[in-house]
Amino acid sequence: MLTMPNHDWAQYSLSMTFVLLLLAAALWWLSRRNKGFLLPANQRRIQILEAYPMGLRHKLLLVQVDDQHLLLSVNNTDIQTLHAWRAATPSSAETGVNHAN
């Protein structure tokens, strides 16, 4: 069994501590830079409800911003709003409840 000299263990410990501190600092910076980066999904103001790929570089997105829904066309050069409407309260059709007898 090979053993490391004591100065190698000290260098290893210092290196690992430095890397962990660097990682913690990067996560702290990201959380401060992107407000809402670490928020739970139900507390975010902007949510992507659905994404539908239309090709390699084009997709449709259904986005909710506060109480408004947006249908967006997204490609590699621009984003266009196709339609916008107020978000309604969940109806029986949206929640999957069937009232038929």
PDB file of N, CA and C in Angstrom:
ATOM      1  N   MET A   1       0.838  -1.179   0.000  1.00  0.00           N
ATOM      2  CA  MET A   1       0.000   0.000   0.000  1.00  0.00           C
ATOM      3  C   MET A   1       0.883   1.242   0.000  1.00  0.00           C
ATOM      4  N   LEU A   2       0.572   2.149  -0.897  1.00  0.00           N
ATOM      5  CA  LEU A   2       1.330   3.380  -0.984  1.00  0.00           C
ATOM      6  C   LEU A   2       0.707   4.434  -0.081  1.00  0.00           C
ATOM      7  N   THR A   3       1.524   5.183   0.578  1.00  0.00           N
ATOM      8  CA  THR A   3       1.029   6.266   1.431  1.00  0.00           C
ATOM      9  C   THR A   3       1.582   7.585   0.924  1.00  0.00           C
ATOM     10  N   MET A   4       0.826   8.633   1.156  1.00  0.00           N
ATOM     11  CA  MET A   4       1.259   9.963   0.761  1.00  0.00           C
ATOM     12  C   MET A   4       2.031  10.599   1.905  1.00  0.00           C
ATOM     13  N   PRO A   5       3.056  11.343   1.592  1.00  0.00           N
ATOM     14  CA  PRO A   5       3.727  12.109   2.657  1.00  0.00           C
ATOM     15  C   PRO A   5       2.771  13.153   3.236  1.00  0.00           C
ATOM     16  N   ASN A   6       3.063  13.611   4.435  1.00  0.00           N
ATOM     17  CA  ASN A   6       2.170  14.552   5.124  1.00  0.00           C
ATOM     18  C   ASN A   6       1.965  15.839   4.350  1.00  0.00           C
ATOM     19  N   HIS A   7       2.995  16.342   3.680  1.00  0.00           N
ATOM     20  CA  HIS A   7       2.829  17.601   2.962  1.00  0.00           C
ATOM     21  C   HIS A   7       1.907  17.429   1.750  1.00  0.00           C
ATOM     22  N   ASP A   8       1.817  16.229   1.182  1.00  0.00           N
ATOM     23  CA  ASP A   8       0.882  15.988   0.086  1.00  0.00           C
ATOM     24  C   ASP A   8      -0.564  16.013   0.580  1.00  0.00           C
ATOM     25  N   TRP A   9      -0.814  15.466   1.761  1.00  0.00           N
ATOM     26  CA  TRP A   9      -2.164  15.499   2.326  1.00  0.00           C
ATOM     27  C   TRP A   9      -2.584  16.931   2.630  1.00  0.00           C
ATOM     28  N   ALA A  10      -1.653  17.716   3.132  1.00  0.00           N
ATOM     29  CA  ALA A  10      -1.971  19.112   3.432  1.00  0.00           C
ATOM     30  C   ALA A  10      -2.295  19.865   2.146  1.00  0.00           C
ATOM     31  N   GLN A  11      -1.504  19.641   1.105  1.00  0.00           N
ATOM     32  CA  GLN A  11      -1.756  20.306  -0.170  1.00  0.00           C
ATOM     33  C   GLN A  11      -3.095  19.851  -0.759  1.00  0.00           C
ATOM     34  N   TYR A  12      -3.390  18.563  -0.662  1.00  0.00           N
ATOM     35  CA  TYR A  12      -4.657  18.029  -1.151  1.00  0.00           C
ATOM     36  C   TYR A  12      -5.829  18.655  -0.398  1.00  0.00           C
ATOM     37  N   SER A  13      -5.724  18.749   0.918  1.00  0.00           N
ATOM     38  CA  SER A  13      -6.798  19.329   1.735  1.00  0.00           C
ATOM     39  C   SER A  13      -7.009  20.798   1.391  1.00  0.00           C
ATOM     40  N   LEU A  14      -5.927  21.543   1.237  1.00  0.00           N
ATOM     41  CA  LEU A  14      -6.046  22.951   0.880  1.00  0.00           C
ATOM     42  C   LEU A  14      -6.653  23.119  -0.508  1.00  0.00           C
ATOM     43  N   SER A  15      -6.268  22.273  -1.441  1.00  0.00           N
ATOM     44  CA  SER A  15      -6.818  22.350  -2.797  1.00  0.00           C
ATOM     45  C   SER A  15      -8.316  22.062  -2.795  1.00  0.00           C
ATOM     46  N   MET A  16      -8.735  21.032  -2.079  1.00  0.00           N
ATOM     47  CA  MET A  16     -10.163  20.691  -2.009  1.00  0.00           C
ATOM     48  C   MET A  16     -10.959  21.808  -1.340  1.00  0.00           C
ATOM     49  N   THR A  17     -10.414  22.393  -0.274  1.00  0.00           N
ATOM     50  CA  THR A  17     -11.085  23.496   0.404  1.00  0.00           C
ATOM     51  C   THR A  17     -11.238  24.682  -0.539  1.00  0.00           C
ATOM     52  N   PHE A  18     -10.194  24.996  -1.297  1.00  0.00           N
ATOM     53  CA  PHE A  18     -10.250  26.095  -2.257  1.00  0.00           C
ATOM     54  C   PHE A  18     -11.311  25.855  -3.321  1.00  0.00           C
ATOM     55  N   VAL A  19     -11.381  24.646  -3.855  1.00  0.00           N
ATOM     56  CA  VAL A  19     -12.359  24.318  -4.891  1.00  0.00           C
ATOM     57  C   VAL A  19     -13.779  24.420  -4.333  1.00  0.00           C
ATOM     58  N   LEU A  20     -14.013  23.930  -3.130  1.00  0.00           N
ATOM     59  CA  LEU A  20     -15.344  24.009  -2.526  1.00  0.00           C
ATOM     60  C   LEU A  20     -15.748  25.452  -2.238  1.00  0.00           C
ATOM     61  N   LEU A  21     -14.804  26.275  -1.780  1.00  0.00           N
ATOM     62  CA  LEU A  21     -15.098  27.689  -1.548  1.00  0.00           C
ATOM     63  C   LEU A  21     -15.389  28.409  -2.860  1.00  0.00           C
ATOM     64  N   LEU A  22     -14.661  28.063  -3.902  1.00  0.00           N
ATOM     65  CA  LEU A  22     -14.899  28.650  -5.213  1.00  0.00           C
ATOM     66  C   LEU A  22     -16.285  28.275  -5.747  1.00  0.00           C
ATOM     67  N   LEU A  23     -16.678  27.022  -5.553  1.00  0.00           N
ATOM     68  CA  LEU A  23     -18.012  26.573  -5.965  1.00  0.00           C
ATOM     69  C   LEU A  23     -19.102  27.305  -5.180  1.00  0.00           C
ATOM     70  N   ALA A  24     -18.919  27.439  -3.874  1.00  0.00           N
ATOM     71  CA  ALA A  24     -19.901  28.153  -3.048  1.00  0.00           C
ATOM     72  C   ALA A  24     -20.010  29.615  -3.477  1.00  0.00           C
ATOM     73  N   ALA A  25     -18.892  30.247  -3.789  1.00  0.00           N
ATOM     74  CA  ALA A  25     -18.911  31.639  -4.231  1.00  0.00           C
ATOM     75  C   ALA A  25     -19.625  31.775  -5.577  1.00  0.00           C
ATOM     76  N   ALA A  26     -19.418  30.827  -6.482  1.00  0.00           N
ATOM     77  CA  ALA A  26     -20.082  30.874  -7.786  1.00  0.00           C
ATOM     78  C   ALA A  26     -21.592  30.711  -7.630  1.00  0.00           C
ATOM     79  N   LEU A  27     -22.028  29.810  -6.776  1.00  0.00           N
ATOM     80  CA  LEU A  27     -23.467  29.628  -6.537  1.00  0.00           C
ATOM     81  C   LEU A  27     -24.079  30.861  -5.880  1.00  0.00           C
ATOM     82  N   TRP A  28     -23.375  31.463  -4.945  1.00  0.00           N
ATOM     83  CA  TRP A  28     -23.863  32.678  -4.309  1.00  0.00           C
ATOM     84  C   TRP A  28     -23.993  33.790  -5.339  1.00  0.00           C
ATOM     85  N   TRP A  29     -22.986  33.945  -6.203  1.00  0.00           N
ATOM     86  CA  TRP A  29     -23.013  34.984  -7.235  1.00  0.00           C
ATOM     87  C   TRP A  29     -24.182  34.762  -8.197  1.00  0.00           C
ATOM     88  N   LEU A  30     -24.408  33.511  -8.608  1.00  0.00           N
ATOM     89  CA  LEU A  30     -25.526  33.220  -9.507  1.00  0.00           C
ATOM     90  C   LEU A  30     -26.867  33.542  -8.855  1.00  0.00           C
ATOM     91  N   SER A  31     -27.012  33.210  -7.596  1.00  0.00           N
ATOM     92  CA  SER A  31     -28.284  33.473  -6.925  1.00  0.00           C
ATOM     93  C   SER A  31     -28.514  34.966  -6.745  1.00  0.00           C
ATOM     94  N   ARG A  32     -27.465  35.750  -6.539  1.00  0.00           N
ATOM     95  CA  ARG A  32     -27.611  37.199  -6.416  1.00  0.00           C
ATOM     96  C   ARG A  32     -27.848  37.852  -7.776  1.00  0.00           C
ATOM     97  N   ARG A  33     -27.228  37.323  -8.806  1.00  0.00           N
ATOM     98  CA  ARG A  33     -27.330  37.887 -10.161  1.00  0.00           C
ATOM     99  C   ARG A  33     -28.695  37.600 -10.766  1.00  0.00           C
ATOM    100  N   ASN A  34     -29.182  36.385 -10.617  1.00  0.00           N
ATOM    101  CA  ASN A  34     -30.464  35.964 -11.182  1.00  0.00           C
ATOM    102  C   ASN A  34     -31.481  35.853 -10.066  1.00  0.00           C
ATOM    103  N   LYS A  35     -32.126  36.956  -9.761  1.00  0.00           N
ATOM    104  CA  LYS A  35     -33.176  36.893  -8.736  1.00  0.00           C
ATOM    105  C   LYS A  35     -34.215  35.886  -9.185  1.00  0.00           C
ATOM    106  N   GLY A  36     -34.572  34.960  -8.348  1.00  0.00           N
ATOM    107  CA  GLY A  36     -35.542  33.944  -8.707  1.00  0.00           C
ATOM    108  C   GLY A  36     -34.912  32.687  -9.270  1.00  0.00           C
ATOM    109  N   PHE A  37     -33.599  32.656  -9.354  1.00  0.00           N
ATOM    110  CA  PHE A  37     -32.906  31.486  -9.895  1.00  0.00           C
ATOM    111  C   PHE A  37     -33.162  30.246  -9.038  1.00  0.00           C
ATOM    112  N   LEU A  38     -33.250  30.443  -7.737  1.00  0.00           N
ATOM    113  CA  LEU A  38     -33.437  29.315  -6.830  1.00  0.00           C
ATOM    114  C   LEU A  38     -34.836  29.252  -6.228  1.00  0.00           C
ATOM    115  N   LEU A  39     -35.782  30.016  -6.793  1.00  0.00           N
ATOM    116  CA  LEU A  39     -37.152  30.000  -6.270  1.00  0.00           C
ATOM    117  C   LEU A  39     -37.887  28.728  -6.691  1.00  0.00           C
ATOM    118  N   PRO A  40     -38.797  28.251  -5.856  1.00  0.00           N
ATOM    119  CA  PRO A  40     -39.650  27.127  -6.270  1.00  0.00           C
ATOM    120  C   PRO A  40     -40.517  27.533  -7.460  1.00  0.00           C
ATOM    121  N   ALA A  41     -40.948  26.563  -8.235  1.00  0.00           N
ATOM    122  CA  ALA A  41     -41.692  26.832  -9.470  1.00  0.00           C
ATOM    123  C   ALA A  41     -42.973  27.625  -9.216  1.00  0.00           C
ATOM    124  N   ASN A  42     -43.664  27.384  -8.106  1.00  0.00           N
ATOM    125  CA  ASN A  42     -44.935  28.079  -7.877  1.00  0.00           C
ATOM    126  C   ASN A  42     -44.746  29.533  -7.433  1.00  0.00           C
ATOM    127  N   GLN A  43     -43.517  29.956  -7.127  1.00  0.00           N
ATOM    128  CA  GLN A  43     -43.269  31.342  -6.734  1.00  0.00           C
ATOM    129  C   GLN A  43     -42.665  32.170  -7.863  1.00  0.00           C
ATOM    130  N   ARG A  44     -42.361  31.569  -8.981  1.00  0.00           N
ATOM    131  CA  ARG A  44     -41.794  32.307 -10.107  1.00  0.00           C
ATOM    132  C   ARG A  44     -42.894  33.044 -10.855  1.00  0.00           C
ATOM    133  N   ARG A  45     -42.594  34.241 -11.322  1.00  0.00           N
ATOM    134  CA  ARG A  45     -43.572  35.028 -12.062  1.00  0.00           C
ATOM    135  C   ARG A  45     -43.640  34.603 -13.521  1.00  0.00           C
ATOM    136  N   ILE A  46     -42.560  34.066 -14.059  1.00  0.00           N
ATOM    137  CA  ILE A  46     -42.527  33.634 -15.451  1.00  0.00           C
ATOM    138  C   ILE A  46     -42.365  32.117 -15.463  1.00  0.00           C
ATOM    139  N   GLN A  47     -43.286  31.440 -16.148  1.00  0.00           N
ATOM    140  CA  GLN A  47     -43.233  29.982 -16.230  1.00  0.00           C
ATOM    141  C   GLN A  47     -43.455  29.552 -17.675  1.00  0.00           C
ATOM    142  N   ILE A  48     -42.667  28.585 -18.138  1.00  0.00           N
ATOM    143  CA  ILE A  48     -42.891  27.986 -19.447  1.00  0.00           C
ATOM    144  C   ILE A  48     -43.826  26.802 -19.230  1.00  0.00           C
ATOM    145  N   LEU A  49     -45.051  26.921 -19.736  1.00  0.00           N
ATOM    146  CA  LEU A  49     -46.052  25.878 -19.530  1.00  0.00           C
ATOM    147  C   LEU A  49     -45.864  24.719 -20.504  1.00  0.00           C
ATOM    148  N   GLU A  50     -45.583  25.040 -21.766  1.00  0.00           N
ATOM    149  CA  GLU A  50     -45.371  24.001 -22.785  1.00  0.00           C
ATOM    150  C   GLU A  50     -44.383  24.503 -23.823  1.00  0.00           C
ATOM    151  N   ALA A  51     -43.662  23.569 -24.422  1.00  0.00           N
ATOM    152  CA  ALA A  51     -42.762  23.867 -25.539  1.00  0.00           C
ATOM    153  C   ALA A  51     -43.025  22.834 -26.620  1.00  0.00           C
ATOM    154  N   TYR A  52     -43.211  23.304 -27.855  1.00  0.00           N
ATOM    155  CA  TYR A  52     -43.503  22.411 -28.970  1.00  0.00           C
ATOM    156  C   TYR A  52     -42.482  22.654 -30.067  1.00  0.00           C
ATOM    157  N   PRO A  53     -41.576  21.707 -30.310  1.00  0.00           N
ATOM    158  CA  PRO A  53     -40.577  21.903 -31.362  1.00  0.00           C
ATOM    159  C   PRO A  53     -41.218  21.826 -32.745  1.00  0.00           C
ATOM    160  N   MET A  54     -40.899  22.797 -33.591  1.00  0.00           N
ATOM    161  CA  MET A  54     -41.431  22.846 -34.950  1.00  0.00           C
ATOM    162  C   MET A  54     -40.361  22.455 -35.978  1.00  0.00           C
ATOM    163  N   GLY A  55     -39.165  22.290 -35.549  1.00  0.00           N
ATOM    164  CA  GLY A  55     -38.049  21.957 -36.418  1.00  0.00           C
ATOM    165  C   GLY A  55     -36.767  22.023 -35.607  1.00  0.00           C
ATOM    166  N   LEU A  56     -35.646  22.021 -36.294  1.00  0.00           N
ATOM    167  CA  LEU A  56     -34.371  22.034 -35.589  1.00  0.00           C
ATOM    168  C   LEU A  56     -34.130  23.328 -34.821  1.00  0.00           C
ATOM    169  N   ARG A  57     -34.550  24.447 -35.394  1.00  0.00           N
ATOM    170  CA  ARG A  57     -34.262  25.737 -34.765  1.00  0.00           C
ATOM    171  C   ARG A  57     -35.504  26.582 -34.516  1.00  0.00           C
ATOM    172  N   HIS A  58     -36.660  25.987 -34.517  1.00  0.00           N
ATOM    173  CA  HIS A  58     -37.892  26.746 -34.351  1.00  0.00           C
ATOM    174  C   HIS A  58     -38.814  26.007 -33.401  1.00  0.00           C
ATOM    175  N   LYS A  59     -39.409  26.742 -32.458  1.00  0.00           N
ATOM    176  CA  LYS A  59     -40.356  26.120 -31.533  1.00  0.00           C
ATOM    177  C   LYS A  59     -41.418  27.107 -31.110  1.00  0.00           C
ATOM    178  N   LEU A  60     -42.520  26.566 -30.642  1.00  0.00           N
ATOM    179  CA  LEU A  60     -43.597  27.357 -30.053  1.00  0.00           C
ATOM    180  C   LEU A  60     -43.532  27.191 -28.541  1.00  0.00           C
ATOM    181  N   LEU A  61     -43.699  28.287 -27.825  1.00  0.00           N
ATOM    182  CA  LEU A  61     -43.694  28.245 -26.370  1.00  0.00           C
ATOM    183  C   LEU A  61     -44.995  28.832 -25.843  1.00  0.00           C
ATOM    184  N   LEU A  62     -45.586  28.164 -24.877  1.00  0.00           N
ATOM    185  CA  LEU A  62     -46.705  28.710 -24.135  1.00  0.00           C
ATOM    186  C   LEU A  62     -46.151  29.157 -22.791  1.00  0.00           C
ATOM    187  N   VAL A  63     -46.186  30.472 -22.557  1.00  0.00           N
ATOM    188  CA  VAL A  63     -45.549  31.063 -21.382  1.00  0.00           C
ATOM    189  C   VAL A  63     -46.600  31.768 -20.549  1.00  0.00           C
ATOM    190  N   GLN A  64     -46.486  31.665 -19.226  1.00  0.00           N
ATOM    191  CA  GLN A  64     -47.366  32.406 -18.328  1.00  0.00           C
ATOM    192  C   GLN A  64     -46.529  33.435 -17.585  1.00  0.00           C
ATOM    193  N   VAL A  65     -46.950  34.684 -17.673  1.00  0.00           N
ATOM    194  CA  VAL A  65     -46.318  35.778 -16.943  1.00  0.00           C
ATOM    195  C   VAL A  65     -47.395  36.387 -16.065  1.00  0.00           C
ATOM    196  N   ASP A  66     -47.244  36.222 -14.765  1.00  0.00           N
ATOM    197  CA  ASP A  66     -48.266  36.621 -13.795  1.00  0.00           C
ATOM    198  C   ASP A  66     -49.611  36.016 -14.187  1.00  0.00           C
ATOM    199  N   ASP A  67     -50.577  36.832 -14.613  1.00  0.00           N
ATOM    200  CA  ASP A  67     -51.897  36.290 -14.964  1.00  0.00           C
ATOM    201  C   ASP A  67     -52.157  36.381 -16.462  1.00  0.00           C
ATOM    202  N   GLN A  68     -51.119  36.369 -17.267  1.00  0.00           N
ATOM    203  CA  GLN A  68     -51.267  36.453 -18.713  1.00  0.00           C
ATOM    204  C   GLN A  68     -50.540  35.301 -19.390  1.00  0.00           C
ATOM    205  N   HIS A  69     -51.180  34.721 -20.404  1.00  0.00           N
ATOM    206  CA  HIS A  69     -50.559  33.666 -21.215  1.00  0.00           C
ATOM    207  C   HIS A  69     -50.060  34.279 -22.515  1.00  0.00           C
ATOM    208  N   LEU A  70     -48.921  33.796 -22.986  1.00  0.00           N
ATOM    209  CA  LEU A  70     -48.346  34.255 -24.249  1.00  0.00           C
ATOM    210  C   LEU A  70     -48.000  33.047 -25.094  1.00  0.00           C
ATOM    211  N   LEU A  71     -48.346  33.092 -26.369  1.00  0.00           N
ATOM    212  CA  LEU A  71     -47.907  32.079 -27.325  1.00  0.00           C
ATOM    213  C   LEU A  71     -46.788  32.715 -28.134  1.00  0.00           C
ATOM    214  N   LEU A  72     -45.570  32.153 -28.000  1.00  0.00           N
ATOM    215  CA  LEU A  72     -44.388  32.733 -28.612  1.00  0.00           C
ATOM    216  C   LEU A  72     -43.823  31.821 -29.680  1.00  0.00           C
ATOM    217  N   SER A  73     -43.341  32.422 -30.746  1.00  0.00           N
ATOM    218  CA  SER A  73     -42.599  31.719 -31.784  1.00  0.00           C
ATOM    219  C   SER A  73     -41.127  32.056 -31.569  1.00  0.00           C
ATOM    220  N   VAL A  74     -40.300  31.029 -31.366  1.00  0.00           N
ATOM    221  CA  VAL A  74     -38.888  31.237 -31.037  1.00  0.00           C
ATOM    222  C   VAL A  74     -38.030  30.540 -32.076  1.00  0.00           C
ATOM    223  N   ASN A  75     -37.072  31.275 -32.639  1.00  0.00           N
ATOM    224  CA  ASN A  75     -36.055  30.648 -33.489  1.00  0.00           C
ATOM    225  C   ASN A  75     -34.698  31.215 -33.108  1.00  0.00           C
ATOM    226  N   ASN A  76     -33.675  30.884 -33.872  1.00  0.00           N
ATOM    227  CA  ASN A  76     -32.330  31.275 -33.455  1.00  0.00           C
ATOM    228  C   ASN A  76     -32.042  32.763 -33.635  1.00  0.00           C
ATOM    229  N   THR A  77     -32.905  33.520 -34.290  1.00  0.00           N
ATOM    230  CA  THR A  77     -32.643  34.945 -34.482  1.00  0.00           C
ATOM    231  C   THR A  77     -33.635  35.862 -33.783  1.00  0.00           C
ATOM    232  N   ASP A  78     -34.857  35.409 -33.487  1.00  0.00           N
ATOM    233  CA  ASP A  78     -35.814  36.298 -32.846  1.00  0.00           C
ATOM    234  C   ASP A  78     -36.905  35.537 -32.102  1.00  0.00           C
ATOM    235  N   ILE A  79     -37.692  36.308 -31.367  1.00  0.00           N
ATOM    236  CA  ILE A  79     -38.854  35.800 -30.635  1.00  0.00           C
ATOM    237  C   ILE A  79     -40.029  36.684 -31.018  1.00  0.00           C
ATOM    238  N   GLN A  80     -41.140  36.075 -31.425  1.00  0.00           N
ATOM    239  CA  GLN A  80     -42.331  36.825 -31.811  1.00  0.00           C
ATOM    240  C   GLN A  80     -43.514  36.386 -30.965  1.00  0.00           C
ATOM    241  N   THR A  81     -44.311  37.351 -30.545  1.00  0.00           N
ATOM    242  CA  THR A  81     -45.544  37.051 -29.829  1.00  0.00           C
ATOM    243  C   THR A  81     -46.635  36.781 -30.854  1.00  0.00           C
ATOM    244  N   LEU A  82     -47.186  35.567 -30.836  1.00  0.00           N
ATOM    245  CA  LEU A  82     -48.251  35.213 -31.758  1.00  0.00           C
ATOM    246  C   LEU A  82     -49.624  35.559 -31.193  1.00  0.00           C
ATOM    247  N   HIS A  83     -49.784  35.382 -29.889  1.00  0.00           N
ATOM    248  CA  HIS A  83     -51.077  35.661 -29.258  1.00  0.00           C
ATOM    249  C   HIS A  83     -50.850  35.873 -27.775  1.00  0.00           C
ATOM    250  N   ALA A  84     -51.663  36.730 -27.166  1.00  0.00           N
ATOM    251  CA  ALA A  84     -51.606  36.970 -25.722  1.00  0.00           C
ATOM    252  C   ALA A  84     -53.024  37.056 -25.191  1.00  0.00           C
ATOM    253  N   TRP A  85     -53.264  36.478 -24.018  1.00  0.00           N
ATOM    254  CA  TRP A  85     -54.591  36.518 -23.404  1.00  0.00           C
ATOM    255  C   TRP A  85     -54.452  36.348 -21.904  1.00  0.00           C
ATOM    256  N   ARG A  86     -55.478  36.776 -21.207  1.00  0.00           N
ATOM    257  CA  ARG A  86     -55.511  36.646 -19.751  1.00  0.00           C
ATOM    258  C   ARG A  86     -55.665  35.185 -19.359  1.00  0.00           C
ATOM    259  N   ALA A  87     -54.965  34.776 -18.339  1.00  0.00           N
ATOM    260  CA  ALA A  87     -55.087  33.408 -17.838  1.00  0.00           C
ATOM    261  C   ALA A  87     -56.382  33.299 -17.047  1.00  0.00           C
ATOM    262  N   ALA A  88     -57.208  32.347 -17.419  1.00  0.00           N
ATOM    263  CA  ALA A  88     -58.480  32.139 -16.729  1.00  0.00           C
ATOM    264  C   ALA A  88     -58.261  31.212 -15.541  1.00  0.00           C
ATOM    265  N   THR A  89     -59.222  31.177 -14.652  1.00  0.00           N
ATOM    266  CA  THR A  89     -59.156  30.216 -13.560  1.00  0.00           C
ATOM    267  C   THR A  89     -59.313  28.831 -14.153  1.00  0.00           C
ATOM    268  N   PRO A  90     -58.713  27.819 -13.556  1.00  0.00           N
ATOM    269  CA  PRO A  90     -58.799  26.477 -14.124  1.00  0.00           C
ATOM    270  C   PRO A  90     -60.242  26.003 -14.252  1.00  0.00           C
ATOM    271  N   SER A  91     -60.616  25.611 -15.443  1.00  0.00           N
ATOM    272  CA  SER A  91     -61.974  25.108 -15.671  1.00  0.00           C
ATOM    273  C   SER A  91     -61.972  23.601 -15.469  1.00  0.00           C
ATOM    274  N   SER A  92     -63.141  23.005 -15.547  1.00  0.00           N
ATOM    275  CA  SER A  92     -63.238  21.563 -15.373  1.00  0.00           C
ATOM    276  C   SER A  92     -62.534  20.819 -16.499  1.00  0.00           C
ATOM    277  N   ALA A  93     -62.496  21.393 -17.700  1.00  0.00           N
ATOM    278  CA  ALA A  93     -61.820  20.734 -18.818  1.00  0.00           C
ATOM    279  C   ALA A  93     -60.312  20.724 -18.611  1.00  0.00           C
ATOM    280  N   GLU A  94     -59.774  21.802 -18.025  1.00  0.00           N
ATOM    281  CA  GLU A  94     -58.333  21.873 -17.808  1.00  0.00           C
ATOM    282  C   GLU A  94     -57.875  20.972 -16.679  1.00  0.00           C
ATOM    283  N   THR A  95     -58.718  20.781 -15.679  1.00  0.00           N
ATOM    284  CA  THR A  95     -58.321  19.967 -14.537  1.00  0.00           C
ATOM    285  C   THR A  95     -58.623  18.502 -14.743  1.00  0.00           C
ATOM    286  N   GLY A  96     -59.292  18.170 -15.837  1.00  0.00           N
ATOM    287  CA  GLY A  96     -59.558  16.768 -16.125  1.00  0.00           C
ATOM    288  C   GLY A  96     -60.824  16.227 -15.494  1.00  0.00           C
ATOM    289  N   VAL A  97     -61.660  17.088 -14.935  1.00  0.00           N
ATOM    290  CA  VAL A  97     -62.890  16.643 -14.287  1.00  0.00           C
ATOM    291  C   VAL A  97     -63.970  16.519 -15.349  1.00  0.00           C
ATOM    292  N   ASN A  98     -64.655  15.392 -15.370  1.00  0.00           N
ATOM    293  CA  ASN A  98     -65.714  15.159 -16.336  1.00  0.00           C
ATOM    294  C   ASN A  98     -67.043  15.141 -15.593  1.00  0.00           C
ATOM    295  N   HIS A  99     -67.949  16.089 -15.973  1.00  0.00           N
ATOM    296  CA  HIS A  99     -69.250  16.177 -15.306  1.00  0.00           C
ATOM    297  C   HIS A  99     -70.348  15.476 -16.087  1.00  0.00           C
ATOM    298  N   ALA A 100     -70.006  14.715 -17.098  1.00  0.00           N
ATOM    299  CA  ALA A 100     -71.035  14.021 -17.908  1.00  0.00           C
ATOM    300  C   ALA A 100     -71.620  12.870 -17.103  1.00  0.00           C
ATOM    301  N   ASN A 101     -72.923  12.645 -17.286  1.00  0.00           N
ATOM    302  CA  ASN A 101     -73.597  11.563 -16.552  1.00  0.00           C
ATOM    303  C   ASN A 101     -73.561  10.285 -17.324  1.00  0.00           C
TER     304      ASN A 101
END
